[in-house]
Protein backbone atom coordinates (compact mmCIF):
# COMPACT_ATOMS: atom_id res chain seq x y z
CA MET A 1 0.04 -0.04 0.10
CA GLY A 2 3.09 2.25 0.26
CA VAL A 3 2.46 5.00 3.00
CA ALA A 4 0.59 3.59 5.97
CA VAL A 5 -3.31 4.59 6.24
CA THR A 6 -4.29 5.22 9.65
CA GLY A 7 -7.55 5.50 11.45
CA ARG A 8 -9.53 4.98 14.61
CA GLN A 9 -12.00 2.47 15.98
CA PHE A 10 -14.38 3.75 18.80
CA HIS A 11 -16.48 1.56 20.89
CA ASN A 12 -18.56 2.66 23.92
CA GLN A 13 -17.41 -0.15 26.52
CA PRO A 14 -14.42 0.04 28.94
CA GLU A 15 -11.24 -1.39 28.09
CA LYS A 16 -11.57 -4.23 30.19
CA SER A 17 -14.75 -5.55 28.39
CA HIS A 18 -16.33 -8.05 25.98
CA LEU A 19 -15.41 -5.74 23.22
CA HIS A 20 -11.89 -4.01 23.49
CA GLY A 21 -9.61 -6.93 23.35
CA PHE A 22 -11.22 -8.57 20.41
CA LEU A 23 -11.24 -5.26 18.28
CA VAL A 24 -7.68 -4.83 19.05
CA ASP A 25 -6.85 -8.40 17.97
CA LEU A 26 -8.88 -7.68 14.95
CA TRP A 27 -6.90 -4.64 13.90
CA ASP A 28 -3.44 -6.01 14.97
CA GLU A 29 -4.20 -8.61 12.49
CA VAL A 30 -5.27 -6.37 9.63
CA ARG A 31 -2.00 -4.26 10.32
CA ARG A 32 0.20 -7.47 10.12
CA GLU A 33 -1.59 -8.84 7.02
CA THR A 34 -1.19 -5.59 5.19
CA GLY A 35 2.48 -5.21 6.17
CA GLY A 36 1.51 -2.28 8.30
CA GLY A 37 -0.40 -0.73 5.29
CA LEU A 38 -3.71 -0.46 7.35
CA ALA A 39 -3.20 0.81 10.91
CA ILE A 40 -6.26 1.37 13.17
CA THR A 41 -6.30 2.22 16.58
CA VAL A 42 -8.98 1.11 19.06
CA HIS A 43 -10.26 3.56 21.55
CA ALA A 44 -12.46 2.42 24.45
CA GLN A 45 -15.66 4.47 25.66
CA ASN A 46 -15.59 6.39 22.39
CA ALA A 47 -12.47 8.05 23.15
CA GLY A 48 -14.33 10.37 25.84
CA ILE A 49 -16.11 12.50 23.07
CA PRO A 50 -19.12 14.42 24.71
CA GLY A 51 -22.34 12.91 23.35
CA SER A 52 -21.17 9.14 23.19
CA ASP A 53 -22.70 6.92 20.68
CA PRO A 54 -24.91 9.39 18.82
CA ALA A 55 -21.91 11.85 18.36
CA ALA A 56 -19.79 9.03 17.26
CA LEU A 57 -22.31 8.00 14.75
CA LYS A 58 -22.35 11.86 13.44
CA MET A 59 -18.56 11.58 13.35
CA LEU A 60 -18.55 8.32 11.37
CA VAL A 61 -20.71 9.67 8.73
CA ALA A 62 -18.74 12.86 8.58
CA GLY A 63 -15.73 10.95 8.23
CA GLU A 64 -14.16 12.14 11.29
CA VAL A 65 -13.76 8.80 12.74
CA GLU A 66 -13.23 5.70 10.43
CA PHE A 67 -14.59 2.60 12.37
CA ILE A 68 -17.29 2.23 15.35
CA VAL A 69 -19.57 -0.35 16.68
CA LEU A 70 -22.91 0.57 17.50
CA MET A 71 -26.45 -1.18 18.35
CA GLY A 72 -29.30 -0.97 15.60
CA GLY A 73 -31.46 0.95 17.88
CA LEU A 74 -28.98 4.07 17.64
CA LEU A 75 -27.69 3.09 14.34
CA GLY A 76 -31.61 3.71 13.28
CA ASP A 77 -31.08 7.50 13.56
CA VAL A 78 -29.45 7.51 9.95
CA VAL A 79 -30.46 3.93 8.71
CA PRO A 80 -34.03 3.49 10.29
CA ALA A 81 -34.43 -0.15 9.00
CA ALA A 82 -31.56 -0.91 11.43
CA GLY A 83 -33.32 -0.54 14.56
CA ILE A 84 -35.24 -3.75 13.82
CA GLN A 85 -32.54 -5.60 15.28
CA GLY A 86 -33.77 -4.70 18.79
CA LEU A 87 -37.55 -5.21 18.20
CA PRO A 88 -38.95 -6.71 21.45
CA PHE A 89 -39.55 -10.18 21.75
CA ALA A 90 -38.61 -10.75 18.32
CA PHE A 91 -35.58 -13.23 18.69
CA THR A 92 -35.66 -16.22 20.84
CA SER A 93 -31.87 -17.28 20.64
CA HIS A 94 -28.52 -15.91 19.80
CA ALA A 95 -28.13 -18.21 16.88
CA GLN A 96 -31.49 -17.00 15.36
CA VAL A 97 -30.06 -13.41 15.50
CA HIS A 98 -26.98 -14.39 13.79
CA ALA A 99 -28.95 -16.44 11.21
CA ALA A 100 -30.93 -13.56 10.32
CA ASP A 101 -27.90 -11.16 9.95
CA ALA A 102 -26.16 -13.77 7.69
CA GLY A 103 -29.36 -13.99 5.46
CA PRO A 104 -31.54 -11.69 3.54
CA LEU A 105 -32.46 -9.47 6.53
CA GLY A 106 -28.67 -8.59 7.12
CA GLU A 107 -28.15 -8.19 3.63
CA TYR A 108 -30.75 -5.69 3.28
CA LEU A 109 -29.73 -3.79 6.29
CA ARG A 110 -26.18 -3.34 4.67
CA ARG A 111 -27.58 -2.13 1.67
CA GLU A 112 -29.31 0.32 3.49
CA MET A 113 -26.11 1.44 5.32
CA LEU A 114 -24.57 2.31 2.02
CA ALA A 115 -27.25 4.60 1.13
CA ALA A 116 -26.33 6.62 4.23
CA GLY A 117 -22.54 6.57 3.67
CA ILE A 118 -21.83 3.66 5.91
CA ARG A 119 -19.80 0.27 5.20
CA GLY A 120 -21.05 -2.77 7.05
CA PHE A 121 -19.50 -5.90 7.24
CA GLY A 122 -20.97 -9.49 6.63
CA GLY A 123 -20.27 -11.46 9.90
CA GLY A 124 -19.66 -8.16 11.65
CA LEU A 125 -22.47 -8.25 14.47
CA MET A 126 -21.11 -8.28 17.61
CA GLU A 127 -22.61 -9.87 20.68
CA ASN A 128 -23.80 -7.94 23.64
CA GLY A 129 -26.76 -10.24 24.59
CA PHE A 130 -30.02 -10.27 25.88
CA ARG A 131 -31.32 -7.17 27.73
CA HIS A 132 -32.77 -7.53 31.46
CA ILE A 133 -34.20 -5.07 33.91
CA VAL A 134 -31.92 -4.08 36.40
CA MET A 135 -33.25 -1.96 39.43
CA ARG A 136 -31.88 0.21 42.25
CA GLU A 137 -34.52 -0.66 44.94
CA LYS A 138 -37.30 -3.20 44.11
CA PRO A 139 -37.75 -6.47 41.74
CA ILE A 140 -39.67 -6.31 38.55
CA ARG A 141 -41.76 -9.23 38.69
CA GLY A 142 -44.53 -8.39 36.39
CA VAL A 143 -45.34 -5.65 33.97
CA GLU A 144 -47.46 -3.70 36.51
CA ASP A 145 -44.09 -3.15 38.73
CA LEU A 146 -42.84 -0.84 36.14
CA ASP A 147 -45.86 1.54 36.39
CA GLY A 148 -43.96 5.01 36.89
CA VAL A 149 -40.62 3.55 37.07
CA ARG A 150 -37.88 5.72 35.86
CA MET A 151 -36.18 3.57 33.45
CA ARG A 152 -32.98 4.64 31.79
CA VAL A 153 -33.14 4.18 27.97
CA PRO A 154 -30.66 5.07 25.29
CA ASP A 155 -31.63 7.71 22.83
CA SER A 156 -33.55 5.66 20.65
CA PRO A 157 -37.31 5.98 19.43
CA LEU A 158 -37.74 2.32 19.92
CA PHE A 159 -36.68 1.92 23.35
CA ILE A 160 -38.63 5.17 24.55
CA ASP A 161 -41.94 3.58 22.75
CA THR A 162 -41.37 0.05 24.25
CA PHE A 163 -40.94 1.14 27.93
CA THR A 164 -43.56 3.71 27.56
CA ALA A 165 -46.14 1.03 26.34
CA LEU A 166 -44.92 -1.28 29.45
CA GLY A 167 -46.04 1.55 31.81
CA ALA A 168 -42.43 2.95 32.80
CA THR A 169 -41.35 6.54 32.16
CA PRO A 170 -38.11 6.55 29.99
CA VAL A 171 -35.34 8.53 31.02
CA ILE A 172 -32.63 9.18 28.18
CA ALA A 173 -29.15 8.82 29.07
CA ASN A 174 -26.03 8.00 27.27
CA ILE A 175 -23.79 5.00 28.18
CA SER A 176 -21.28 7.50 29.51
CA GLU A 177 -24.11 8.83 31.98
CA LEU A 178 -25.45 5.31 33.03
CA TYR A 179 -23.55 4.74 36.17
CA SER A 180 -23.92 8.41 37.53
CA SER A 181 -27.65 8.39 36.58
CA LEU A 182 -28.23 5.24 38.97
CA ALA A 183 -25.82 6.37 41.57
CA SER A 184 -27.71 9.81 41.97
CA GLY A 185 -31.00 8.18 41.78
CA ARG A 186 -31.86 10.03 38.42
CA VAL A 187 -33.22 6.85 37.34
CA ASP A 188 -34.83 3.87 39.12
CA GLY A 189 -33.30 1.23 36.87
CA GLN A 190 -31.93 0.32 33.45
CA GLU A 191 -32.00 -2.48 31.07
CA ASN A 192 -29.07 -4.08 29.38
CA PRO A 193 -27.30 -7.65 28.92
CA LEU A 194 -25.59 -8.67 32.05
CA ALA A 195 -22.20 -8.11 30.56
CA VAL A 196 -22.92 -4.43 30.59
CA CYS A 197 -23.77 -4.56 34.24
CA GLU A 198 -20.44 -6.19 35.08
CA VAL A 199 -18.09 -4.20 32.70
CA ASN A 200 -19.46 -1.10 33.78
CA ARG A 201 -19.69 -1.83 37.52
CA LEU A 202 -23.34 -1.34 37.74
CA TYR A 203 -23.64 -3.93 40.43
CA GLU A 204 -22.15 -1.16 42.71
CA VAL A 205 -25.47 1.09 42.23
CA THR A 206 -28.03 -1.53 41.52
CA ARG A 207 -29.42 -4.45 43.51
CA TYR A 208 -32.16 -6.59 41.54
CA VAL A 209 -31.91 -8.23 38.22
CA SER A 210 -35.08 -9.25 36.61
CA LEU A 211 -34.70 -11.73 33.87
CA THR A 212 -36.87 -10.56 30.96
CA SER A 213 -34.71 -11.29 27.76
CA HIS A 214 -36.88 -8.56 26.18
CA MET A 215 -34.69 -7.35 23.46
CA TRP A 216 -31.67 -8.58 21.84
CA SER A 217 -28.80 -6.29 21.89
CA GLY A 218 -25.47 -6.28 19.84
CA PHE A 219 -22.98 -3.99 17.91
CA ASN A 220 -22.71 -3.46 14.23
CA LEU A 221 -19.25 -3.10 13.22
CA ILE A 222 -19.22 -0.25 10.65
CA GLY A 223 -16.92 2.09 8.75
CA ASN A 224 -17.08 5.20 6.97
CA LEU A 225 -18.08 4.20 3.40
CA ALA A 226 -15.68 6.67 1.46
CA PHE A 227 -12.72 5.57 3.73
CA VAL A 228 -13.32 2.09 2.90
CA GLN A 229 -13.73 2.76 -0.99
CA ARG A 230 -10.22 4.39 -1.06
CA LEU A 231 -8.59 1.16 0.30
CA PRO A 232 -7.17 -1.23 -2.32
CA GLY A 233 -9.63 -4.19 -2.75
CA SER A 234 -6.90 -6.54 -1.20
CA THR A 235 -6.90 -4.81 1.93
CA VAL A 236 -10.61 -4.58 2.20
CA SER A 237 -10.63 -8.41 1.66
CA ILE A 238 -8.13 -8.54 4.46
CA VAL A 239 -10.29 -6.66 6.68
CA GLU A 240 -13.35 -8.67 5.92
CA ARG A 241 -11.70 -11.80 6.49
CA ALA A 242 -10.42 -10.44 10.00
CA VAL A 243 -13.83 -9.05 10.85
CA ALA A 244 -15.41 -12.26 10.38
CA LYS A 245 -12.78 -14.18 12.45
CA HIS A 246 -12.59 -12.03 15.43
CA VAL A 247 -16.27 -11.19 15.73
CA ALA A 248 -17.00 -14.82 15.91
CA ARG A 249 -14.65 -15.23 18.55
CA GLN A 250 -16.13 -12.13 20.39
CA CYS A 251 -19.51 -13.37 20.13
CA ALA A 252 -18.64 -17.02 21.51
CA TYR A 253 -17.03 -15.53 24.25
CA THR A 254 -19.95 -13.01 25.24
CA ASP A 255 -22.48 -15.68 24.93
CA GLY A 256 -20.51 -17.53 27.75
CA PHE A 257 -19.76 -14.24 29.66
CA ASN A 258 -23.30 -13.48 29.95
CA ARG A 259 -24.19 -17.16 31.16
CA ASP A 260 -21.65 -17.23 33.72
CA LEU A 261 -22.75 -13.74 35.29
CA GLU A 262 -25.99 -15.29 36.46
CA ARG A 263 -23.85 -16.71 39.08
CA GLY A 264 -21.11 -14.22 39.26
CA LEU A 265 -23.29 -11.00 39.73
CA ALA A 266 -25.37 -13.16 42.34
CA GLU A 267 -21.93 -13.52 44.16
CA ARG A 268 -21.47 -9.84 44.39
CA GLY A 269 -25.01 -9.56 45.94
CA MET A 270 -27.22 -9.01 43.33
CA ILE A 271 -30.72 -10.65 43.58
CA PHE A 272 -32.29 -12.61 40.80
CA ASN A 273 -35.75 -13.19 39.63
CA THR A 274 -37.44 -14.49 36.54
CA ALA A 275 -40.12 -12.13 35.44
CA ASP A 276 -43.58 -12.75 33.99
CA VAL A 277 -42.53 -12.36 30.40
CA GLY A 278 -46.04 -13.11 29.07
CA GLY A 279 -47.40 -9.96 30.72
CA PHE A 280 -44.60 -7.99 29.01
CA ARG A 281 -45.57 -9.45 25.77
CA ARG A 282 -49.31 -8.86 26.23
CA ALA A 283 -48.65 -5.32 27.27
CA LEU A 284 -46.97 -4.63 23.74
CA SER A 285 -50.14 -4.26 21.79
CA ALA A 286 -51.00 -4.86 17.87
CA GLU A 287 -50.84 -0.87 17.65
CA PHE A 288 -47.25 -0.96 19.33
CA TYR A 289 -46.12 -3.51 16.49
CA ARG A 290 -48.04 -1.36 13.77
CA ARG A 291 -45.96 1.59 14.79
CA SER A 292 -42.64 -0.40 14.76
CA LYS A 293 -43.56 -1.81 11.36
CA GLU A 294 -44.02 1.69 10.12
CA ARG A 295 -40.82 2.94 11.84
CA PHE A 296 -38.48 -0.09 10.18
CA GLY A 297 -40.23 -0.27 6.74
CA ARG A 298 -42.26 -2.98 5.09
CA THR A 299 -39.03 -4.68 3.50
CA ALA A 300 -37.24 -5.13 6.80
CA TRP A 301 -40.44 -6.30 8.66
CA THR A 302 -40.96 -9.03 5.85
CA LEU A 303 -37.71 -10.38 5.97
CA LEU A 304 -37.50 -10.36 9.95
CA GLU A 305 -40.67 -12.24 9.60
CA ASP A 306 -39.26 -14.69 7.34
CA ALA A 307 -36.41 -15.37 9.78
CA VAL A 308 -38.27 -15.70 13.00
CA GLY A 309 -42.09 -16.13 12.35
CA ARG A 310 -44.95 -13.76 12.30
CA LEU A 311 -44.67 -10.97 14.71
CA GLY A 312 -47.28 -8.95 16.70
């Protein structure tokens, strides 16, 4: 490649997390395989930029950062169909999620990304896990227990709509504000995979974990399209192979990490219960799913139902 091409990879988790080391390994391999021709540095917690994930997405589209990882709900700000990855109770297993991403649904979402100036990668959907409700002062056993609860949610219409429909009061806070929002009592609870509770030390400011698996959550590894298009085809092939390899490693690790954390977080003093998920499902009416279908578009909805069965 001649002179080395450099860039940055942002992600929103701490260095000691289920993301950072795998991204470092990925880009280390790319640097070796390109003979130093492409050198991407990895920056935890989005390099501390104000505005966290939404700001990182704007930087990516503008070409101010070359690669980020982002969940579909937030990517939906510029690629509306991508939010369908987090549709409540759409997926029943991690395998089903990744099969859908490898099939027509994932291919369609990556085409939609291209139209927004974003380059997605086949096999580039990193694992976060199924989301559960975690509270400061009380367990959530049924949907009625959410009435009036100030629930931290990311800045995503799907999350706001979901928790409003469930009776909670959504409070928007970026991941960088999550710990302080719980510690100060600005919010009563939050909802995330167990891995996020562990690596962000949320066990210090919460006590109750209600297992709901209400949404699947992951991270799309995406690049600035113009940047990727400037790379030689051979370099892009190296990146694609490294993404597939190291994302698969990250997914396998995170699946096990989340399973083990039911025991690990209990040992830290957190109290677990299994919620009445049927009640949560019933609270999300046909009208909720109609709004969701309009939000994501008929094509994405049809491809999702082809992968998981009829919804709503």
